[in-house]
Structure formats: structure tokens, C-alpha cells
C-alpha atoms as a PDB file:
ATOM      1  CA  MET A   1      25.263 -18.507  30.040  1.00  0.00           C
ATOM      2  CA  ALA A   2      22.101 -15.867  29.883  1.00  0.00           C
ATOM      3  CA  PRO A   3      22.364 -12.641  27.190  1.00  0.00           C
ATOM      4  CA  THR A   4      23.190  -9.301  29.600  1.00  0.00           C
ATOM      5  CA  GLU A   5      20.984  -6.481  29.205  1.00  0.00           C
ATOM      6  CA  ASP A   6      23.018  -4.989  25.909  1.00  0.00           C
ATOM      7  CA  SER A   7      24.156  -8.251  24.243  1.00  0.00           C
ATOM      8  CA  THR A   8      25.428  -7.856  20.732  1.00  0.00           C
ATOM      9  CA  ASP A   9      26.740 -10.970  18.879  1.00  0.00           C
ATOM     10  CA  GLU A  10      29.930 -11.413  16.781  1.00  0.00           C
ATOM     11  CA  SER A  11      28.397  -9.573  13.913  1.00  0.00           C
ATOM     12  CA  GLY A  12      26.849  -6.879  16.130  1.00  0.00           C
ATOM     13  CA  THR A  13      23.646  -8.008  16.155  1.00  0.00           C
ATOM     14  CA  ALA A  14      21.453  -6.555  19.319  1.00  0.00           C
ATOM     15  CA  THR A  15      20.402  -9.707  21.418  1.00  0.00           C
ATOM     16  CA  ASP A  16      18.736  -7.891  24.217  1.00  0.00           C
ATOM     17  CA  LEU A  17      15.677  -7.610  25.081  1.00  0.00           C
ATOM     18  CA  GLN A  18      14.599  -4.437  23.636  1.00  0.00           C
ATOM     19  CA  SER A  19      15.674  -5.538  20.449  1.00  0.00           C
ATOM     20  CA  PHE A  20      14.060  -8.620  20.439  1.00  0.00           C
ATOM     21  CA  ALA A  21      10.789  -6.826  21.417  1.00  0.00           C
ATOM     22  CA  VAL A  22      11.074  -4.539  18.333  1.00  0.00           C
ATOM     23  CA  GLN A  23      11.308  -7.745  16.414  1.00  0.00           C
ATOM     24  CA  LEU A  24       8.661  -9.672  17.796  1.00  0.00           C
ATOM     25  CA  ARG A  25       6.169  -6.572  17.762  1.00  0.00           C
ATOM     26  CA  ARG A  26       7.216  -5.783  13.979  1.00  0.00           C
ATOM     27  CA  MET A  27       6.733  -9.942  13.288  1.00  0.00           C
ATOM     28  CA  ASN A  28       3.433  -9.708  15.025  1.00  0.00           C
ATOM     29  CA  GLY A  29       2.763  -6.401  13.141  1.00  0.00           C
ATOM     30  CA  GLU A  30       3.288  -8.387   9.601  1.00  0.00           C
ATOM     31  CA  LEU A  31       1.471 -11.684  10.473  1.00  0.00           C
ATOM     32  CA  ASN A  32      -1.446  -9.742  11.873  1.00  0.00           C
ATOM     33  CA  ARG A  33      -1.584  -7.801   8.364  1.00  0.00           C
ATOM     34  CA  VAL A  34      -1.701 -10.908   6.492  1.00  0.00           C
ATOM     35  CA  VAL A  35      -4.294 -12.943   8.816  1.00  0.00           C
ATOM     36  CA  HIS A  36      -6.306  -9.472   8.810  1.00  0.00           C
ATOM     37  CA  ALA A  37      -6.278  -9.406   4.755  1.00  0.00           C
ATOM     38  CA  PHE A  38      -7.515 -13.342   5.164  1.00  0.00           C
ATOM     39  CA  ALA A  39      -9.607 -12.752   7.080  1.00  0.00           C
ATOM     40  CA  ALA A  40     -11.382  -9.512   5.143  1.00  0.00           C
ATOM     41  CA  GLY A  41     -11.241 -11.880   2.056  1.00  0.00           C
ATOM     42  CA  GLN A  42     -13.200 -14.666   3.874  1.00  0.00           C
ATOM     43  CA  ASN A  43     -15.902 -12.103   5.529  1.00  0.00           C
ATOM     44  CA  LEU A  44     -14.591 -13.507   9.157  1.00  0.00           C
ATOM     45  CA  HIS A  45     -13.294 -11.907  12.065  1.00  0.00           C
ATOM     46  CA  ALA A  46      -9.517 -11.953  12.594  1.00  0.00           C
ATOM     47  CA  THR A  47     -10.304 -14.021  15.915  1.00  0.00           C
ATOM     48  CA  ASP A  48     -12.289 -16.480  13.502  1.00  0.00           C
ATOM     49  CA  VAL A  49      -8.655 -17.101  11.802  1.00  0.00           C
ATOM     50  CA  GLN A  50      -7.712 -17.700  14.799  1.00  0.00           C
ATOM     51  CA  ALA A  51     -10.091 -20.207  15.910  1.00  0.00           C
ATOM     52  CA  LEU A  52      -8.972 -21.863  12.721  1.00  0.00           C
ATOM     53  CA  SER A  53      -5.391 -22.051  13.408  1.00  0.00           C
ATOM     54  CA  ALA A  54      -6.108 -23.783  16.571  1.00  0.00           C
ATOM     55  CA  ILE A  55      -8.495 -26.214  15.269  1.00  0.00           C
ATOM     56  CA  LEU A  56      -5.668 -27.303  12.512  1.00  0.00           C
ATOM     57  CA  ASP A  57      -2.459 -27.172  15.293  1.00  0.00           C
ATOM     58  CA  ALA A  58      -4.787 -28.978  17.534  1.00  0.00           C
ATOM     59  CA  ASP A  59      -2.766 -32.751  18.417  1.00  0.00           C
ATOM     60  CA  GLU A  60      -6.124 -34.074  19.345  1.00  0.00           C
ATOM     61  CA  PRO A  61      -9.786 -33.459  18.001  1.00  0.00           C
ATOM     62  CA  MET A  62     -10.540 -29.677  19.244  1.00  0.00           C
ATOM     63  CA  THR A  63     -14.082 -28.741  20.966  1.00  0.00           C
ATOM     64  CA  PRO A  64     -15.351 -25.778  21.497  1.00  0.00           C
ATOM     65  CA  GLY A  65     -14.301 -25.501  25.488  1.00  0.00           C
ATOM     66  CA  ARG A  66     -10.599 -26.172  24.407  1.00  0.00           C
ATOM     67  CA  LEU A  67     -11.162 -23.447  21.932  1.00  0.00           C
ATOM     68  CA  ARG A  68     -12.522 -21.546  24.857  1.00  0.00           C
ATOM     69  CA  THR A  69      -9.482 -21.850  26.932  1.00  0.00           C
ATOM     70  CA  HIS A  70      -7.152 -21.383  23.951  1.00  0.00           C
ATOM     71  CA  LEU A  71      -8.779 -18.139  22.915  1.00  0.00           C
ATOM     72  CA  GLY A  72      -9.530 -16.797  25.954  1.00  0.00           C
ATOM     73  CA  LEU A  73     -13.422 -15.718  25.048  1.00  0.00           C
ATOM     74  CA  THR A  74     -16.669 -16.412  26.664  1.00  0.00           C
ATOM     75  CA  SER A  75     -19.093 -19.879  25.869  1.00  0.00           C
ATOM     76  CA  GLY A  76     -21.067 -17.142  23.733  1.00  0.00           C
ATOM     77  CA  ALA A  77     -18.483 -15.743  21.993  1.00  0.00           C
ATOM     78  CA  VAL A  78     -17.401 -19.080  20.851  1.00  0.00           C
ATOM     79  CA  THR A  79     -20.214 -20.143  19.711  1.00  0.00           C
ATOM     80  CA  ALA A  80     -20.750 -17.118  17.706  1.00  0.00           C
ATOM     81  CA  CYS A  81     -16.846 -17.967  16.158  1.00  0.00           C
ATOM     82  CA  LEU A  82     -18.248 -21.093  15.510  1.00  0.00           C
ATOM     83  CA  ASP A  83     -21.469 -20.503  13.964  1.00  0.00           C
ATOM     84  CA  ARG A  84     -19.350 -18.234  11.582  1.00  0.00           C
ATOM     85  CA  LEU A  85     -16.469 -20.284  10.592  1.00  0.00           C
ATOM     86  CA  GLU A  86     -19.149 -22.985  10.087  1.00  0.00           C
ATOM     87  CA  ARG A  87     -21.850 -21.211   7.750  1.00  0.00           C
ATOM     88  CA  ALA A  88     -18.663 -20.122   5.691  1.00  0.00           C
ATOM     89  CA  GLY A  89     -18.069 -23.911   5.518  1.00  0.00           C
ATOM     90  CA  HIS A  90     -14.525 -23.445   6.989  1.00  0.00           C
ATOM     91  CA  ILE A  91     -15.319 -26.163   9.473  1.00  0.00           C
ATOM     92  CA  ARG A  92     -17.913 -28.920  10.906  1.00  0.00           C
ATOM     93  CA  ARG A  93     -18.840 -29.781  13.998  1.00  0.00           C
ATOM     94  CA  SER A  94     -19.429 -33.673  14.634  1.00  0.00           C
ATOM     95  CA  ARG A  95     -20.466 -35.563  17.961  1.00  0.00           C
ATOM     96  CA  GLU A  96     -18.052 -39.106  17.182  1.00  0.00           C
ATOM     97  CA  SER A  97     -17.317 -40.173  20.595  1.00  0.00           C
ATOM     98  CA  GLN A  98     -19.418 -41.893  22.730  1.00  0.00           C
ATOM     99  CA  ASP A  99     -20.320 -39.232  24.973  1.00  0.00           C
ATOM    100  CA  ARG A 100     -22.686 -37.490  22.278  1.00  0.00           C
ATOM    101  CA  ARG A 101     -21.955 -34.183  24.440  1.00  0.00           C
ATOM    102  CA  VAL A 102     -18.768 -33.906  23.073  1.00  0.00           C
ATOM    103  CA  VAL A 103     -18.270 -31.716  20.062  1.00  0.00           C
ATOM    104  CA  HIS A 104     -15.453 -32.165  17.875  1.00  0.00           C
ATOM    105  CA  LEU A 105     -14.303 -29.672  15.772  1.00  0.00           C
ATOM    106  CA  HIS A 106     -12.558 -30.079  11.675  1.00  0.00           C
ATOM    107  CA  TYR A 107     -11.335 -27.695   9.643  1.00  0.00           C
ATOM    108  CA  GLU A 108     -13.057 -28.489   6.256  1.00  0.00           C
ATOM    109  CA  ASN A 109     -10.422 -29.757   3.495  1.00  0.00           C
ATOM    110  CA  SER A 110     -12.255 -27.124   0.943  1.00  0.00           C
ATOM    111  CA  ALA A 111     -11.356 -24.612   3.433  1.00  0.00           C
ATOM    112  CA  ARG A 112      -8.180 -25.521   3.923  1.00  0.00           C
ATOM    113  CA  SER A 113      -7.140 -25.661   0.470  1.00  0.00           C
ATOM    114  CA  ALA A 114      -8.339 -21.645  -0.269  1.00  0.00           C
ATOM    115  CA  ALA A 115      -6.199 -21.011   3.004  1.00  0.00           C
ATOM    116  CA  ARG A 116      -3.167 -22.659   1.764  1.00  0.00           C
ATOM    117  CA  THR A 117      -3.392 -21.117  -1.516  1.00  0.00           C
ATOM    118  CA  PHE A 118      -3.984 -17.900   0.344  1.00  0.00           C
ATOM    119  CA  PHE A 119      -0.975 -18.451   2.338  1.00  0.00           C
ATOM    120  CA  GLN A 120       1.499 -19.530  -0.302  1.00  0.00           C
ATOM    121  CA  PRO A 121       3.324 -15.684  -0.074  1.00  0.00           C
ATOM    122  CA  LEU A 122       3.833 -16.100   4.082  1.00  0.00           C
ATOM    123  CA  ALA A 123       5.228 -20.164   3.429  1.00  0.00           C
ATOM    124  CA  VAL A 124       7.746 -18.665   0.466  1.00  0.00           C
ATOM    125  CA  ALA A 125       8.588 -16.096   2.570  1.00  0.00           C
ATOM    126  CA  THR A 126       9.307 -18.417   5.444  1.00  0.00           C
ATOM    127  CA  GLU A 127      11.687 -20.615   3.310  1.00  0.00           C
ATOM    128  CA  SER A 128      13.207 -17.999   2.089  1.00  0.00           C
ATOM    129  CA  ALA A 129      14.708 -16.649   4.993  1.00  0.00           C
ATOM    130  CA  ARG A 130      14.835 -20.270   6.481  1.00  0.00           C
ATOM    131  CA  ALA A 131      17.536 -20.982   3.861  1.00  0.00           C
ATOM    132  CA  LEU A 132      19.181 -18.177   5.237  1.00  0.00           C
ATOM    133  CA  PHE A 133      20.533 -20.653   8.315  1.00  0.00           C
ATOM    134  CA  ASP A 134      22.081 -23.990   8.678  1.00  0.00           C
ATOM    135  CA  THR A 135      20.198 -26.962  10.053  1.00  0.00           C
ATOM    136  CA  GLU A 136      22.223 -26.000  13.896  1.00  0.00           C
ATOM    137  CA  GLU A 137      20.859 -22.179  13.331  1.00  0.00           C
ATOM    138  CA  LEU A 138      17.294 -23.379  12.422  1.00  0.00           C
ATOM    139  CA  THR A 139      17.292 -26.054  15.726  1.00  0.00           C
ATOM    140  CA  VAL A 140      18.351 -23.004  17.980  1.00  0.00           C
ATOM    141  CA  VAL A 141      15.956 -20.738  16.365  1.00  0.00           C
ATOM    142  CA  MET A 142      13.125 -23.663  17.023  1.00  0.00           C
ATOM    143  CA  ARG A 143      14.394 -23.939  20.353  1.00  0.00           C
ATOM    144  CA  PHE A 144      13.769 -20.164  21.427  1.00  0.00           C
ATOM    145  CA  LEU A 145      10.378 -20.021  19.273  1.00  0.00           C
ATOM    146  CA  THR A 146       9.009 -23.123  21.310  1.00  0.00           C
ATOM    147  CA  ALA A 147      10.560 -22.075  24.716  1.00  0.00           C
ATOM    148  CA  LEU A 148       8.801 -18.433  24.160  1.00  0.00           C
ATOM    149  CA  ASN A 149       5.577 -19.769  23.112  1.00  0.00           C
ATOM    150  CA  GLU A 150       5.752 -22.048  26.767  1.00  0.00           C
ATOM    151  CA  GLU A 151       6.462 -19.267  28.526  1.00  0.00           C
ATOM    152  CA  LEU A 152       3.361 -17.512  27.256  1.00  0.00           C
ATOM    153  CA  SER A 153       1.099 -20.321  27.238  1.00  0.00           C
ATOM    154  CA  ASP A 154       1.751 -19.368  30.916  1.00  0.00           C
ATOM    155  CA  VAL A 155       1.128 -15.941  31.168  1.00  0.00           C
ATOM    156  CA  ARG A 156      -2.205 -15.721  29.618  1.00  0.00           C
ATOM    157  CA  ARG A 157      -5.055 -14.156  32.018  1.00  0.00           C
ATOM    158  CA  PRO A 158      -8.495 -15.868  32.870  1.00  0.00           C
ATOM    159  CA  PRO A 159     -11.342 -14.722  30.712  1.00  0.00           C
ATOM    160  CA  PRO A 160     -13.222 -12.528  32.129  1.00  0.00           C
ATOM    161  CA  LEU A 161     -16.379 -13.279  33.784  1.00  0.00           C
END
């Protein structure tokens, strides 16, 4: 059964759309604060950190074209981003396939280690929050986050021409 507009759960916690929007904006703001701090400390743009995340999280080797689609940027903006990341030692480009035109993007291990150190407090905070829930609840949370991410990927707008 879908929640109604002014739903609350058994504990009195609001579960309506507005309450979700407030909490998602708050979480987004907190994550952006951390991402911007990392970017500033690495002399990067926030978009560069998004690119690093996309490269790290990709199910298959990331290419500049797939990164462009993922970030919704122009080809020139992706090239500038990748140039900054490569100069800073965060990524390397390689041509590993039979088709030498295909470029794969790799997150450098040394940069991965620096990011892991910087984001350790985020991992600790996440683990503290996870500890408040049992496995069944966490399964529901993961289902919700997965479904929300799928829905959000469907509402992307094409990049401007």
C-alpha cells in the first residue's frame, strides 16, 4: 500500500513526501559539504569529485563518453575535467581494447587511498547510522535508495547543445 500524503509510521515519524524531501535535501547538503571540502583540499572542482565517484562505482570500465552521459556535461567539459584529474594524479587514461580509439579511465590507487582517508569520517558516520537498524530495516532502506536512484536516473535532462 502506498503511503498517503500525510502519513506517519507507528512511532509518529512523518513519512509523507514533504518529510522525505526535507531529509533528502538535508542529506544532500551534508554530502555536498564533505565533497566540496575534499575538492578544495585536492584543488579540484566538485564536478571532478563526481567524476571520480562515477569512475570508482562503474560496473564496467568507464569511458569519457559514458562519463559525459553520466554527468550531463559537454565533451569539452569532460575533457577539461579528465585533464585536471590526470594532472592531479587521481586518474589515468588507457587504451586497453582492440579498438585504440576507446579510452578507459582508471582511478589511481594512490588517489584512492587519499580519498579513503579523507572520507573515513563519512564511513564511520554511515556505520553508526546503520547500527541503529536491523537487517530487515536496512534491506528496506536499500530497496528505497535503489528505487529512488532508478527513478532519478529516468528524470535526467539531456545536456544543452
